[in-house]
Protein backbone atom coordinates (compact mmCIF):
# COMPACT_ATOMS: atom_id res chain seq x y z
CA UNK A 1 -0.25 29.34 -23.42
CA UNK A 2 1.44 32.29 -25.05
CA UNK A 3 4.07 31.96 -27.71
CA UNK A 4 6.73 32.97 -25.14
CA UNK A 5 6.03 30.17 -22.67
CA UNK A 6 7.28 26.62 -22.97
CA UNK A 7 5.51 24.95 -20.03
CA UNK A 8 2.02 24.73 -18.58
CA UNK A 9 3.21 24.58 -14.97
CA UNK A 10 6.40 25.02 -13.02
CA UNK A 11 6.98 23.69 -9.49
CA UNK A 12 9.78 25.94 -8.33
CA UNK A 13 12.35 25.70 -5.58
CA UNK A 14 11.53 22.43 -3.80
CA UNK A 15 13.76 19.55 -2.77
CA UNK A 16 13.22 16.99 -5.50
CA UNK A 17 13.88 13.36 -4.51
CA UNK A 18 13.58 10.87 -7.37
CA UNK A 19 15.40 7.64 -6.44
CA UNK A 20 14.81 6.06 -9.86
CA UNK A 21 16.62 8.94 -11.56
CA UNK A 22 19.25 9.41 -8.86
CA UNK A 23 18.06 12.97 -8.18
CA UNK A 24 18.11 14.59 -4.75
CA UNK A 25 18.46 18.35 -4.56
CA UNK A 26 16.88 21.73 -5.09
CA UNK A 27 15.30 21.53 -8.53
CA UNK A 28 12.44 22.90 -10.55
CA UNK A 29 9.91 20.56 -12.19
CA UNK A 30 8.30 21.71 -15.43
CA UNK A 31 5.06 20.20 -16.77
CA UNK A 32 3.79 20.29 -20.35
CA UNK A 33 0.68 18.55 -21.75
CA UNK A 34 0.27 16.47 -18.60
CA UNK A 35 3.80 15.10 -18.72
CA UNK A 36 7.08 15.91 -17.01
CA UNK A 37 9.00 18.16 -19.38
CA UNK A 38 12.11 19.02 -17.38
CA UNK A 39 13.71 18.60 -13.95
CA UNK A 40 16.60 20.99 -13.50
CA UNK A 41 17.85 23.99 -11.58
CA UNK A 42 16.78 27.57 -12.20
CA UNK A 43 14.12 27.17 -14.87
CA UNK A 44 12.93 30.67 -15.69
CA UNK A 45 9.50 31.41 -14.17
CA UNK A 46 8.57 33.30 -17.33
CA UNK A 47 8.84 30.04 -19.27
CA UNK A 48 5.66 28.67 -17.63
CA UNK A 49 2.04 29.76 -17.77
CA UNK A 50 1.57 28.94 -14.06
CA UNK A 51 4.20 28.82 -11.32
CA UNK A 52 3.82 27.26 -7.87
CA UNK A 53 6.45 28.16 -5.30
CA UNK A 54 7.29 24.94 -3.39
CA UNK A 55 10.30 26.33 -1.53
CA UNK A 56 10.87 24.36 1.67
CA UNK A 57 8.72 21.46 0.49
CA UNK A 58 9.54 17.95 -0.72
CA UNK A 59 8.74 17.23 -4.35
CA UNK A 60 8.50 13.49 -5.04
CA UNK A 61 7.33 11.24 -7.84
CA UNK A 62 3.61 10.58 -7.31
CA UNK A 63 3.26 8.29 -4.30
CA UNK A 64 2.19 4.68 -4.91
CA UNK A 65 0.08 2.92 -2.26
CA UNK A 66 0.70 -0.81 -2.66
CA UNK A 67 -2.10 -1.83 -0.29
CA UNK A 68 -5.47 -0.15 -0.77
CA UNK A 69 -9.07 -1.30 -0.37
CA UNK A 70 -11.12 0.79 -2.78
CA UNK A 71 -13.75 -1.52 -4.25
CA UNK A 72 -16.31 0.76 -2.68
CA UNK A 73 -19.79 -0.68 -1.92
CA UNK A 74 -19.05 -4.08 -3.49
CA UNK A 75 -16.76 -5.05 -0.59
CA UNK A 76 -19.08 -3.69 2.07
CA UNK A 77 -17.51 -1.52 4.73
CA UNK A 78 -14.03 -2.54 3.63
CA UNK A 79 -14.02 -0.53 0.42
CA UNK A 80 -13.45 3.21 0.71
CA UNK A 81 -13.51 5.92 -1.92
CA UNK A 82 -10.47 5.65 -4.17
CA UNK A 83 -9.80 9.36 -4.47
CA UNK A 84 -10.14 9.90 -0.71
CA UNK A 85 -7.12 7.64 -0.10
CA UNK A 86 -5.63 8.58 -3.47
CA UNK A 87 -5.24 12.06 -4.89
CA UNK A 88 -7.00 13.78 -1.97
CA UNK A 89 -4.34 12.24 0.32
CA UNK A 90 -1.39 13.08 -1.93
CA UNK A 91 -1.27 9.61 -3.50
CA UNK A 92 -1.43 9.27 -7.29
CA UNK A 93 -1.47 5.47 -7.74
CA UNK A 94 -3.44 2.89 -5.75
CA UNK A 95 -3.18 -0.90 -5.77
CA UNK A 96 -6.34 -2.55 -4.50
CA UNK A 97 -5.23 -5.68 -2.65
CA UNK A 98 -7.70 -8.44 -3.35
CA UNK A 99 -10.91 -6.46 -3.73
CA UNK A 100 -11.88 -7.71 -7.20
CA UNK A 101 -11.96 -11.39 -8.15
CA UNK A 102 -12.19 -13.10 -11.50
CA UNK A 103 -15.99 -12.69 -11.20
CA UNK A 104 -16.10 -9.05 -10.13
CA UNK A 105 -13.14 -7.60 -12.05
CA UNK A 106 -15.30 -6.11 -14.85
CA UNK A 107 -17.21 -4.10 -12.23
CA UNK A 108 -13.95 -2.92 -10.67
CA UNK A 109 -12.69 -1.77 -14.06
CA UNK A 110 -15.89 0.07 -14.93
CA UNK A 111 -16.96 1.58 -11.64
CA UNK A 112 -13.67 2.10 -9.80
CA UNK A 113 -10.60 2.21 -12.05
CA UNK A 114 -12.56 3.82 -14.86
CA UNK A 115 -14.05 6.54 -12.66
CA UNK A 116 -11.31 7.45 -10.18
CA UNK A 117 -9.01 10.40 -10.71
CA UNK A 118 -6.28 8.35 -9.02
CA UNK A 119 -4.54 5.71 -11.14
CA UNK A 120 -6.08 2.51 -9.78
CA UNK A 121 -4.65 -0.98 -10.30
CA UNK A 122 -5.36 -4.31 -8.61
CA UNK A 123 -3.89 -7.48 -7.24
CA UNK A 124 -6.63 -9.94 -8.14
CA UNK A 125 -8.05 -12.01 -5.31
CA UNK A 126 -7.23 -15.70 -5.44
CA UNK A 127 -10.75 -16.28 -4.09
CA UNK A 128 -13.94 -16.17 -6.14
CA UNK A 129 -15.57 -13.80 -3.65
CA UNK A 130 -12.75 -11.26 -3.73
CA UNK A 131 -12.49 -8.93 -0.78
CA UNK A 132 -15.88 -9.40 0.79
CA UNK A 133 -16.17 -8.94 4.54
CA UNK A 134 -14.43 -12.23 5.06
CA UNK A 135 -13.72 -11.75 8.75
CA UNK A 136 -17.41 -12.53 9.16
CA UNK A 137 -17.44 -15.47 6.72
CA UNK A 138 -14.08 -17.30 6.66
CA UNK A 139 -15.46 -20.30 4.78
CA UNK A 140 -15.76 -18.09 1.70
CA UNK A 141 -11.95 -18.35 1.55
CA UNK A 142 -11.66 -22.14 1.47
CA UNK A 143 -10.05 -24.16 -1.36
CA UNK A 144 -13.54 -24.85 -2.73
CA UNK A 145 -13.89 -21.11 -3.32
CA UNK A 146 -10.79 -20.83 -5.52
CA UNK A 147 -10.95 -21.37 -9.29
CA UNK A 148 -7.39 -21.47 -10.59
CA UNK A 149 -8.26 -21.57 -14.30
CA UNK A 150 -10.79 -18.72 -14.12
CA UNK A 151 -8.48 -16.49 -12.09
CA UNK A 152 -5.52 -17.06 -14.41
CA UNK A 153 -7.74 -16.31 -17.41
CA UNK A 154 -9.03 -13.06 -15.87
CA UNK A 155 -5.53 -11.91 -14.96
CA UNK A 156 -4.10 -12.62 -18.40
CA UNK A 157 -7.04 -10.89 -20.12
CA UNK A 158 -6.55 -7.68 -18.09
CA UNK A 159 -2.80 -7.01 -17.96
CA UNK A 160 -3.24 -3.24 -17.84
CA UNK A 161 -5.21 -3.50 -14.61
CA UNK A 162 -4.15 -6.72 -12.86
CA UNK A 163 -0.57 -6.53 -11.61
CA UNK A 164 -0.55 -9.43 -9.13
CA UNK A 165 -2.48 -11.97 -7.03
CA UNK A 166 -3.60 -11.63 -3.37
CA UNK A 167 -3.85 -14.48 -0.85
CA UNK A 168 -3.68 -15.10 2.91
CA UNK A 169 -1.46 -17.35 5.02
CA UNK A 170 -2.67 -17.27 8.61
CA UNK A 171 -3.63 -19.61 11.41
CA UNK A 172 -7.40 -19.26 11.11
CA UNK A 173 -7.29 -20.52 7.54
CA UNK A 174 -4.59 -23.13 8.14
CA UNK A 175 -6.62 -24.57 11.04
CA UNK A 176 -9.57 -25.01 8.68
CA UNK A 177 -7.96 -26.30 5.46
CA UNK A 178 -4.21 -26.37 5.86
CA UNK A 179 -1.85 -24.97 3.25
CA UNK A 180 -3.93 -25.83 0.18
CA UNK A 181 -5.21 -22.31 -0.53
CA UNK A 182 -1.70 -20.90 -0.62
CA UNK A 183 -0.58 -23.70 -2.90
CA UNK A 184 -3.41 -22.75 -5.25
CA UNK A 185 -2.58 -19.03 -5.08
CA UNK A 186 1.07 -19.78 -5.86
CA UNK A 187 -0.02 -21.80 -8.89
CA UNK A 188 -2.16 -18.89 -10.10
CA UNK A 189 0.84 -16.59 -9.77
CA UNK A 190 3.10 -18.96 -11.70
CA UNK A 191 0.61 -19.56 -14.51
CA UNK A 192 -0.30 -15.87 -14.83
CA UNK A 193 3.37 -14.87 -14.38
CA UNK A 194 2.42 -12.33 -11.74
CA UNK A 195 3.70 -11.67 -8.20
CA UNK A 196 1.73 -13.11 -5.29
CA UNK A 197 1.07 -10.83 -2.32
CA UNK A 198 0.65 -12.92 0.84
CA UNK A 199 -0.99 -11.63 4.01
CA UNK A 200 0.66 -12.89 7.23
CA UNK A 201 -0.67 -12.50 10.76
CA UNK A 202 -3.88 -13.98 12.13
CA UNK A 203 -6.96 -12.78 10.27
CA UNK A 204 -9.76 -15.20 11.16
CA UNK A 205 -10.61 -16.64 14.53
CA UNK A 206 -9.95 -20.34 15.08
CA UNK A 207 -12.77 -22.80 14.34
CA UNK A 208 -14.59 -24.48 17.21
CA UNK A 209 -12.21 -27.42 16.89
CA UNK A 210 -9.20 -25.20 17.63
CA UNK A 211 -5.90 -25.08 15.77
CA UNK A 212 -6.21 -28.71 14.61
CA UNK A 213 -2.51 -29.36 15.04
CA UNK A 214 -1.36 -26.24 13.19
CA UNK A 215 1.38 -24.04 14.68
CA UNK A 216 1.18 -20.33 13.95
CA UNK A 217 4.97 -20.01 14.07
CA UNK A 218 5.57 -22.59 11.32
CA UNK A 219 3.36 -20.93 8.69
CA UNK A 220 6.11 -18.70 7.31
CA UNK A 221 8.61 -21.50 6.87
CA UNK A 222 6.02 -23.63 5.06
CA UNK A 223 4.83 -20.86 2.76
CA UNK A 224 8.13 -19.28 1.70
CA UNK A 225 9.28 -22.34 -0.34
CA UNK A 226 6.10 -22.03 -2.45
CA UNK A 227 6.91 -18.47 -3.47
CA UNK A 228 9.03 -17.06 -6.27
CA UNK A 229 11.44 -14.19 -6.77
CA UNK A 230 9.34 -11.00 -6.71
CA UNK A 231 6.51 -12.36 -4.54
CA UNK A 232 5.60 -10.21 -1.55
CA UNK A 233 5.36 -10.95 2.18
CA UNK A 234 2.86 -8.54 3.75
CA UNK A 235 2.41 -7.23 7.31
CA UNK A 236 5.90 -7.96 8.63
CA UNK A 237 5.20 -5.87 11.73
CA UNK A 238 1.75 -7.26 12.51
CA UNK A 239 0.55 -7.25 16.10
CA UNK A 240 -1.28 -10.53 15.42
CA UNK A 241 0.27 -14.04 15.73
CA UNK A 242 1.97 -15.39 12.62
CA UNK A 243 4.09 -12.41 11.56
CA UNK A 244 7.83 -11.95 11.30
CA UNK A 245 8.29 -12.00 15.08
CA UNK A 246 7.37 -15.31 16.71
CA UNK A 247 5.76 -15.95 20.09
CA UNK A 248 9.19 -16.00 21.73
CA UNK A 249 9.82 -12.45 20.52
CA UNK A 250 12.41 -13.49 17.94
CA UNK A 251 12.54 -12.58 14.25
CA UNK A 252 11.77 -15.75 12.30
CA UNK A 253 15.02 -17.18 10.84
CA UNK A 254 13.35 -17.91 7.50
CA UNK A 255 12.95 -14.19 6.73
CA UNK A 256 16.55 -13.62 5.73
CA UNK A 257 16.43 -16.72 3.54
CA UNK A 258 13.29 -15.33 1.92
CA UNK A 259 15.00 -12.02 1.18
CA UNK A 260 18.01 -13.87 -0.23
CA UNK A 261 15.56 -15.73 -2.49
CA UNK A 262 14.32 -12.42 -3.94
CA UNK A 263 11.07 -12.08 -2.00
CA UNK A 264 9.92 -8.58 -1.11
CA UNK A 265 8.33 -7.11 1.99
CA UNK A 266 5.36 -4.73 2.10
CA UNK A 267 4.54 -3.02 5.40
CA UNK A 268 0.75 -3.08 4.94
CA UNK A 269 0.53 -0.53 7.77
CA UNK A 270 -3.17 -0.30 8.69
CA UNK A 271 -4.69 -2.01 11.68
CA UNK A 272 -1.96 -4.62 11.99
CA UNK A 273 1.03 -2.36 12.51
CA UNK A 274 2.99 -2.55 15.78
CA UNK A 275 5.85 -0.18 16.66
CA UNK A 276 7.04 -2.70 19.26
CA UNK A 277 7.46 -5.52 16.74
CA UNK A 278 8.65 -3.23 13.96
CA UNK A 279 11.58 -2.19 16.15
CA UNK A 280 12.56 -5.82 16.67
CA UNK A 281 12.47 -6.60 12.97
CA UNK A 282 14.24 -3.42 11.84
CA UNK A 283 16.91 -3.90 14.51
CA UNK A 284 17.45 -7.36 13.00
CA UNK A 285 18.08 -5.76 9.61
CA UNK A 286 14.65 -6.37 8.09
CA UNK A 287 13.95 -3.29 5.94
CA UNK A 288 10.67 -3.27 4.00
CA UNK A 289 10.70 -2.95 0.24
CA UNK A 290 7.39 -1.12 -0.08
CA UNK A 291 5.01 0.70 2.24
CA UNK A 292 1.30 0.09 1.68
CA UNK A 293 -1.13 2.04 3.88
CA UNK A 294 -3.89 -0.64 4.15
CA UNK A 295 -6.67 1.85 4.83
CA UNK A 296 -10.19 0.45 4.81
CA UNK A 297 -13.56 1.20 6.30
CA UNK A 298 -12.86 -0.66 9.54
CA UNK A 299 -9.71 1.24 10.49
CA UNK A 300 -10.73 4.77 9.60
CA UNK A 301 -13.90 6.73 10.16
CA UNK A 302 -16.11 6.68 7.07
CA UNK A 303 -19.88 6.16 6.94
CA UNK A 304 -20.83 2.49 6.68
CA UNK A 305 -22.98 1.51 3.70
CA UNK A 306 -26.58 0.82 4.72
CA UNK A 307 -27.11 -2.82 5.59
CA UNK A 308 -23.59 -3.67 6.74
CA UNK A 309 -23.33 -5.34 10.18
CA UNK A 310 -23.49 -2.95 13.11
CA UNK A 311 -21.34 -5.05 15.40
CA UNK A 312 -18.57 -7.59 15.29
CA UNK A 313 -18.59 -10.50 17.74
CA UNK A 314 -15.37 -9.20 19.31
CA UNK A 315 -15.75 -5.59 18.34
CA UNK A 316 -13.34 -4.31 20.96
CA UNK A 317 -10.41 -6.37 19.66
CA UNK A 318 -11.34 -7.59 16.23
CA UNK A 319 -8.33 -7.78 13.91
CA UNK A 320 -9.34 -4.86 11.71
CA UNK A 321 -9.93 -2.29 14.45
CA UNK A 322 -7.72 0.72 14.01
CA UNK A 323 -6.95 4.31 14.77
CA UNK A 324 -9.39 6.83 13.36
CA UNK A 325 -7.13 8.72 10.98
CA UNK A 326 -3.95 7.84 9.12
CA UNK A 327 -2.59 7.89 5.59
CA UNK A 328 0.23 6.63 3.41
CA UNK A 329 2.17 9.80 4.23
CA UNK A 330 1.61 9.18 7.96
CA UNK A 331 2.97 5.66 7.41
CA UNK A 332 6.11 7.26 5.96
CA UNK A 333 6.44 9.25 9.18
CA UNK A 334 6.04 6.01 11.15
CA UNK A 335 9.01 4.48 9.36
CA UNK A 336 11.12 7.55 10.01
CA UNK A 337 10.14 7.52 13.70
CA UNK A 338 11.55 3.97 13.81
CA UNK A 339 14.93 5.24 12.67
CA UNK A 340 14.80 4.93 8.90
CA UNK A 341 15.89 7.98 6.96
CA UNK A 342 13.77 9.96 4.53
CA UNK A 343 16.11 8.74 1.80
CA UNK A 344 15.31 5.13 2.76
CA UNK A 345 11.56 5.71 2.94
CA UNK A 346 10.97 7.60 -0.32
CA UNK A 347 11.87 4.59 -2.54
CA UNK A 348 9.29 2.51 -0.62
CA UNK A 349 6.50 4.67 -2.04
CA UNK A 350 7.99 5.52 -5.46
CA UNK A 351 10.60 3.47 -7.32
CA UNK A 352 10.22 0.18 -5.42
CA UNK A 353 6.45 -0.16 -5.89
CA UNK A 354 6.88 0.79 -9.55
CA UNK A 355 9.23 -2.19 -9.88
CA UNK A 356 6.81 -4.43 -7.97
CA UNK A 357 4.08 -3.49 -10.46
CA UNK A 358 6.28 -4.04 -13.50
CA UNK A 359 6.01 -0.32 -14.29
CA UNK A 360 9.52 0.91 -13.52
CA UNK A 361 10.30 3.94 -15.64
CA UNK A 362 6.60 4.62 -16.23
CA UNK A 363 5.48 5.62 -12.75
CA UNK A 364 7.34 6.33 -9.51
CA UNK A 365 9.75 8.67 -11.29
CA UNK A 366 9.94 12.23 -12.60
CA UNK A 367 11.82 11.25 -15.71
CA UNK A 368 10.98 13.69 -18.53
CA UNK A 369 8.34 12.23 -20.81
CA UNK A 370 6.35 10.30 -18.17
CA UNK A 371 2.91 11.33 -16.98
CA UNK A 372 3.24 14.18 -14.51
CA UNK A 373 2.38 12.34 -11.30
CA UNK A 374 3.96 14.45 -8.56
CA UNK A 375 3.48 14.57 -4.78
CA UNK A 376 4.37 17.66 -2.77
CA UNK A 377 4.85 17.22 0.98
CA UNK A 378 5.43 19.49 3.93
CA UNK A 379 8.04 18.32 6.40
CA UNK A 380 7.34 19.78 9.83
CA UNK A 381 10.19 19.77 12.32
CA UNK A 382 9.41 19.34 15.98
CA UNK A 383 8.32 16.56 18.32
CA UNK A 384 5.16 14.67 17.42
CA UNK A 385 3.38 11.71 18.99
CA UNK A 386 2.51 8.74 16.78
CA UNK A 387 0.40 5.91 18.18
CA UNK A 388 -0.25 2.37 16.94
CA UNK A 389 -3.19 0.06 17.63
CA UNK A 390 -1.47 -1.53 20.62
CA UNK A 391 -1.52 1.99 22.12
CA UNK A 392 2.26 2.16 21.86
CA UNK A 393 3.49 5.71 21.33
CA UNK A 394 6.65 6.91 19.63
CA UNK A 395 7.93 10.44 19.30
CA UNK A 396 8.93 11.63 15.83
CA UNK A 397 11.25 14.60 15.35
CA UNK A 398 9.59 15.43 12.05
CA UNK A 399 6.21 14.81 10.50
CA UNK A 400 5.37 14.53 6.81
CA UNK A 401 2.04 15.88 5.62
CA UNK A 402 0.69 16.07 2.05
CA UNK A 403 0.21 19.53 0.53
CA UNK A 404 -1.07 18.57 -2.92
CA UNK A 405 -0.35 16.27 -5.82
CA UNK A 406 -0.48 16.34 -9.58
CA UNK A 407 -2.06 13.42 -11.40
CA UNK A 408 -1.16 13.59 -15.10
CA UNK A 409 -0.50 17.29 -14.54
CA UNK A 410 -3.85 18.06 -12.86
CA UNK A 411 -3.64 19.47 -9.32
CA UNK A 412 -5.49 17.91 -6.37
CA UNK A 413 -5.19 19.44 -2.91
CA UNK A 414 -4.81 17.23 0.18
CA UNK A 415 -8.33 17.61 1.55
CA UNK A 416 -9.22 14.00 2.46
CA UNK A 417 -11.24 13.82 5.70
CA UNK A 418 -9.14 10.86 6.88
CA UNK A 419 -5.88 12.83 7.00
CA UNK A 420 -4.55 12.98 10.58
CA UNK A 421 -3.65 16.15 12.44
CA UNK A 422 -0.25 16.59 14.05
CA UNK A 423 -0.13 15.86 17.78
CA UNK A 424 2.72 17.67 19.52
CA UNK A 425 4.73 15.78 22.10
């Protein structure tokens, strides 16, 4: 850098939206030594060594995906490459939901978080087996497979990496062992002083003995009292039984009480997402706090590791089946197609997840002095078809697509093979 330049890089002329800083307007973003140096209007191009013209583009704090599955190889077909769903998809921070356990966390730190270009954090599994292909082996997720003391110890010993606890509340598990696993997960969260992220919507098939007296529509009301301010309810718009919309097509009355209690909602888009049920919930005033993509090897097209099962017993309709290509940015477009504004959606992938992770002011913002994590998006106007896994189609009047991102000031273009192509209506 010459003596006459102040910055390494200047992103010039884009619409900068930074909810944490209250910024929304045409601004320039200057980067120095891998950190945000300035966000203001009309920074002189000559002040930077490199200038990228982002006129007509959206410039956001680096996107945060609150629901990833990136413990590649260890979790079988579930785990995908971190950078494929991270920086190569315009996402700078990933939160693996339940991939590592207290037993496998050192491997996650060394082989995933320590190697990825994307910032990679984790919600530690409440189960000893972590995120193995549990839809094949539900008994791995029984109370006998939870070690409260060991999980609390692992979480407390790794505060830089472990930002929460992951568990499941669904009818397949309740039919087998009732509410005990969730009680144990809630205790782990309390003792580790971390948020608990709870999956809702049927995950496992029922045992041969059936539901054993359990009612899928009472799970929410039984689980919510166990949770604390800051805990997270996941998959509100699931197409599977046990979500926010009951079998009568009504939004569960306990949801508003949960929100009033300080619980948060993460979309967990992925295979579970239903436009039909999302409309019902949003029309009832249920607005998600965060927007995780929930991409994994069963709902996008990536090569399966050798030795993983070739078939699922109900392969046509198994709960993880999904559309071939989607991304966190496509999930943003889904929310906008449902009537939410861009200004409502951007906090779901920036400032809100930063708060959920206890990292507000450190990530999810372009405040000068923080690491230069920046996402640049194209917003295409027109009419585009979006489709969910119930085959429901909606028409969006704009489509967001990632152009590139900066992770700590280093540029990564949006070249991930999973990124979807626009489909005109």
